[in-house]
Each structure stands twice: as structure tokens, then as C-alpha cells.
Amino acid sequence: RDLSIEEYCAAHLATLTEMAAKELELLQEQGSTARGMAINYDELPEILWHEILPKVFDIHDISPQAQERMEEASKSYSKGR
């Protein structure tokens, strides 16, 4: 049977996600110093200042004011501007 557009897109996204996860796993197994990471979208924005900024960008001193501004900015839908 032919796939609907939605089914085709879902299958394509699943393939991309699977490939990215496998690549991250391979890099870890090889002892790579690459700092990319997979995240759960539901953990945004808090994961940004608790995990991503310190581990990926080596930014550790994030002020409460900066966190507040990031949290406020995350409330607006970026594509709705």
C-alpha cells in the first residue's frame, strides 16, 4: 500500500532520529571528544542551562537573571513571529 504524506514523513523522521542516535552511540564507543548530545524535547528549556550549556558549550556560570531571560524567551513560538 502507498504511504500517506504523514506516514512517509513519520518514517523519514524515524530514520533520521535512528541514524543520529546510532552515530552518537558510535562516537561514545570510540571515545570521541565530540560534545553533541541527544535530549528529550519535553525537558526544554531547563535542560539548556543544566546540561547543554555546561556540557556542550563549557558555559558553567549562568546567572539566575540569564536563566529567567532564557525561560521567558522559550515561551514564544519561534516560527510564529
N, C-alpha and C. Protein backbone atom coordinates (compact mmCIF):
# COMPACT_ATOMS: atom_id res chain seq x y z
N ARG A 1 0.83 -1.18 0.00
CA ARG A 1 0.00 0.00 0.00
C ARG A 1 0.87 1.24 0.00
N ASP A 2 0.39 2.27 -0.58
CA ASP A 2 1.12 3.53 -0.60
C ASP A 2 1.00 4.22 0.76
N LEU A 3 2.07 4.91 1.14
CA LEU A 3 2.06 5.66 2.39
C LEU A 3 1.41 7.02 2.18
N SER A 4 0.68 7.48 3.20
CA SER A 4 0.17 8.85 3.16
C SER A 4 1.35 9.78 3.37
N ILE A 5 1.16 11.05 3.13
CA ILE A 5 2.23 12.03 3.34
C ILE A 5 2.68 12.00 4.79
N GLU A 6 1.72 11.91 5.71
CA GLU A 6 2.04 11.88 7.14
C GLU A 6 2.85 10.64 7.50
N GLU A 7 2.48 9.49 6.96
CA GLU A 7 3.21 8.25 7.23
C GLU A 7 4.62 8.30 6.66
N TYR A 8 4.74 8.86 5.46
CA TYR A 8 6.05 8.99 4.82
C TYR A 8 6.95 9.90 5.67
N CYS A 9 6.42 11.04 6.09
CA CYS A 9 7.20 11.99 6.91
C CYS A 9 7.59 11.35 8.24
N ALA A 10 6.66 10.63 8.86
CA ALA A 10 6.96 9.96 10.13
C ALA A 10 8.07 8.92 9.94
N ALA A 11 8.01 8.16 8.88
CA ALA A 11 9.04 7.16 8.62
C ALA A 11 10.39 7.82 8.36
N HIS A 12 10.38 8.91 7.63
CA HIS A 12 11.62 9.63 7.34
C HIS A 12 12.22 10.20 8.63
N LEU A 13 11.40 10.83 9.46
CA LEU A 13 11.89 11.37 10.73
C LEU A 13 12.42 10.26 11.64
N ALA A 14 11.74 9.13 11.63
CA ALA A 14 12.20 8.00 12.44
C ALA A 14 13.58 7.53 11.97
N THR A 15 13.78 7.50 10.67
CA THR A 15 15.07 7.09 10.12
C THR A 15 16.17 8.08 10.51
N LEU A 16 15.88 9.37 10.39
CA LEU A 16 16.86 10.39 10.77
C LEU A 16 17.22 10.29 12.24
N THR A 17 16.21 10.11 13.08
CA THR A 17 16.43 10.01 14.52
C THR A 17 17.25 8.78 14.86
N GLU A 18 16.92 7.67 14.24
CA GLU A 18 17.65 6.42 14.47
C GLU A 18 19.12 6.56 14.06
N MET A 19 19.35 7.18 12.92
CA MET A 19 20.73 7.37 12.43
C MET A 19 21.52 8.28 13.37
N ALA A 20 20.90 9.35 13.84
CA ALA A 20 21.58 10.26 14.76
C ALA A 20 21.92 9.56 16.07
N ALA A 21 20.98 8.78 16.59
CA ALA A 21 21.23 8.05 17.84
C ALA A 21 22.37 7.04 17.67
N LYS A 22 22.39 6.35 16.55
CA LYS A 22 23.46 5.39 16.29
C LYS A 22 24.81 6.09 16.18
N GLU A 23 24.84 7.25 15.54
CA GLU A 23 26.09 7.99 15.39
C GLU A 23 26.60 8.46 16.74
N LEU A 24 25.70 8.97 17.60
CA LEU A 24 26.12 9.38 18.94
C LEU A 24 26.68 8.19 19.72
N GLU A 25 26.01 7.05 19.62
CA GLU A 25 26.47 5.84 20.31
C GLU A 25 27.85 5.42 19.80
N LEU A 26 28.04 5.45 18.50
CA LEU A 26 29.32 5.08 17.90
C LEU A 26 30.44 6.01 18.38
N LEU A 27 30.16 7.31 18.40
CA LEU A 27 31.16 8.27 18.87
C LEU A 27 31.55 8.00 20.32
N GLN A 28 30.55 7.68 21.15
CA GLN A 28 30.84 7.36 22.55
C GLN A 28 31.71 6.11 22.65
N GLU A 29 31.37 5.08 21.88
CA GLU A 29 32.14 3.83 21.91
C GLU A 29 33.59 4.05 21.49
N GLN A 30 33.79 4.99 20.57
CA GLN A 30 35.14 5.26 20.07
C GLN A 30 35.91 6.22 20.97
N GLY A 31 35.27 6.67 22.05
CA GLY A 31 35.94 7.58 22.96
C GLY A 31 36.10 8.98 22.40
N SER A 32 35.22 9.36 21.51
CA SER A 32 35.29 10.67 20.88
C SER A 32 35.13 11.78 21.91
N THR A 33 35.75 12.90 21.63
CA THR A 33 35.59 14.07 22.48
C THR A 33 34.48 14.98 21.97
N ALA A 34 33.74 14.51 20.98
CA ALA A 34 32.60 15.30 20.47
C ALA A 34 31.62 15.55 21.61
N ARG A 35 31.04 16.73 21.64
CA ARG A 35 30.19 17.08 22.77
C ARG A 35 28.70 17.14 22.42
N GLY A 36 28.30 16.55 21.32
CA GLY A 36 26.89 16.53 20.97
C GLY A 36 26.12 15.64 21.93
N MET A 37 24.83 15.88 22.05
CA MET A 37 24.02 15.05 22.93
C MET A 37 22.58 15.02 22.47
N ALA A 38 21.94 13.90 22.74
CA ALA A 38 20.51 13.78 22.45
C ALA A 38 19.76 14.26 23.69
N ILE A 39 18.67 14.98 23.47
CA ILE A 39 17.89 15.48 24.60
C ILE A 39 16.41 15.16 24.39
N ASN A 40 15.70 15.14 25.49
CA ASN A 40 14.26 14.98 25.45
C ASN A 40 13.66 16.37 25.32
N TYR A 41 12.92 16.60 24.25
CA TYR A 41 12.34 17.91 23.97
C TYR A 41 11.48 18.40 25.13
N ASP A 42 10.85 17.47 25.84
CA ASP A 42 9.98 17.84 26.97
C ASP A 42 10.77 18.44 28.13
N GLU A 43 12.09 18.26 28.13
CA GLU A 43 12.92 18.79 29.21
C GLU A 43 13.39 20.22 28.96
N LEU A 44 13.05 20.75 27.78
CA LEU A 44 13.40 22.14 27.49
C LEU A 44 12.47 23.08 28.26
N PRO A 45 12.86 24.23 28.69
CA PRO A 45 14.17 24.85 28.49
C PRO A 45 15.18 24.53 29.59
N GLU A 46 14.73 23.92 30.71
CA GLU A 46 15.62 23.72 31.85
C GLU A 46 16.89 22.95 31.51
N ILE A 47 16.79 21.98 30.61
CA ILE A 47 17.98 21.19 30.25
C ILE A 47 19.05 22.06 29.59
N LEU A 48 18.62 23.19 29.05
CA LEU A 48 19.57 24.09 28.40
C LEU A 48 20.63 24.56 29.38
N TRP A 49 20.23 25.11 30.52
CA TRP A 49 21.22 25.62 31.46
C TRP A 49 21.76 24.57 32.41
N HIS A 50 21.07 23.44 32.57
CA HIS A 50 21.57 22.39 33.46
C HIS A 50 22.51 21.40 32.75
N GLU A 51 22.30 21.16 31.48
CA GLU A 51 23.06 20.14 30.76
C GLU A 51 23.78 20.66 29.51
N ILE A 52 23.02 21.31 28.62
CA ILE A 52 23.57 21.68 27.30
C ILE A 52 24.67 22.73 27.40
N LEU A 53 24.37 23.85 28.05
CA LEU A 53 25.38 24.91 28.13
C LEU A 53 26.66 24.44 28.84
N PRO A 54 26.55 23.75 29.99
CA PRO A 54 27.79 23.31 30.63
C PRO A 54 28.52 22.20 29.88
N LYS A 55 27.81 21.21 29.38
CA LYS A 55 28.46 20.04 28.79
C LYS A 55 28.85 20.21 27.33
N VAL A 56 28.05 20.95 26.57
CA VAL A 56 28.33 21.10 25.14
C VAL A 56 29.14 22.36 24.86
N PHE A 57 28.81 23.45 25.57
CA PHE A 57 29.46 24.73 25.28
C PHE A 57 30.44 25.17 26.37
N ASP A 58 30.60 24.34 27.41
CA ASP A 58 31.52 24.65 28.50
C ASP A 58 31.21 25.99 29.18
N ILE A 59 29.92 26.30 29.30
CA ILE A 59 29.46 27.51 29.98
C ILE A 59 28.85 27.07 31.31
N HIS A 60 29.48 27.48 32.42
CA HIS A 60 29.06 26.99 33.73
C HIS A 60 28.44 28.06 34.61
N ASP A 61 28.82 29.29 34.43
CA ASP A 61 28.32 30.36 35.29
C ASP A 61 27.16 31.08 34.62
N ILE A 62 25.97 30.55 34.83
CA ILE A 62 24.77 31.13 34.24
C ILE A 62 23.98 31.78 35.36
N SER A 63 23.82 33.08 35.28
CA SER A 63 23.15 33.80 36.35
C SER A 63 21.66 33.49 36.38
N PRO A 64 21.04 33.66 37.53
CA PRO A 64 19.59 33.48 37.61
C PRO A 64 18.84 34.41 36.65
N GLN A 65 19.37 35.60 36.44
CA GLN A 65 18.75 36.53 35.50
C GLN A 65 18.81 36.00 34.07
N ALA A 66 19.95 35.41 33.71
CA ALA A 66 20.09 34.84 32.36
C ALA A 66 19.14 33.66 32.19
N GLN A 67 19.03 32.83 33.21
CA GLN A 67 18.10 31.71 33.16
C GLN A 67 16.67 32.20 32.99
N GLU A 68 16.34 33.24 33.71
CA GLU A 68 14.99 33.82 33.64
C GLU A 68 14.71 34.36 32.23
N ARG A 69 15.69 35.03 31.63
CA ARG A 69 15.51 35.57 30.27
C ARG A 69 15.35 34.43 29.27
N MET A 70 16.14 33.36 29.42
CA MET A 70 16.02 32.22 28.51
C MET A 70 14.66 31.56 28.67
N GLU A 71 14.21 31.42 29.91
CA GLU A 71 12.90 30.80 30.14
C GLU A 71 11.79 31.65 29.53
N GLU A 72 11.88 32.95 29.69
CA GLU A 72 10.87 33.85 29.12
C GLU A 72 10.88 33.77 27.59
N ALA A 73 12.08 33.75 27.00
CA ALA A 73 12.19 33.67 25.54
C ALA A 73 11.63 32.34 25.02
N SER A 74 11.75 31.31 25.82
CA SER A 74 11.28 29.98 25.36
C SER A 74 9.76 29.87 25.31
N LYS A 75 9.07 30.83 25.90
CA LYS A 75 7.60 30.78 25.93
C LYS A 75 6.96 31.22 24.63
N SER A 76 7.72 31.88 23.77
CA SER A 76 7.14 32.32 22.50
C SER A 76 7.53 31.34 21.40
N TYR A 77 6.60 31.03 20.55
CA TYR A 77 6.80 30.08 19.46
C TYR A 77 7.64 30.75 18.39
N SER A 78 8.82 30.22 18.12
CA SER A 78 9.79 30.88 17.24
C SER A 78 9.29 31.05 15.81
N LYS A 79 8.48 30.14 15.33
CA LYS A 79 8.01 30.25 13.95
C LYS A 79 6.77 31.12 13.84
N GLY A 80 6.27 31.59 14.98
CA GLY A 80 5.07 32.42 14.97
C GLY A 80 5.36 33.91 14.96
N ARG A 81 6.62 34.26 14.78
CA ARG A 81 6.98 35.70 14.81
C ARG A 81 6.51 36.41 13.58
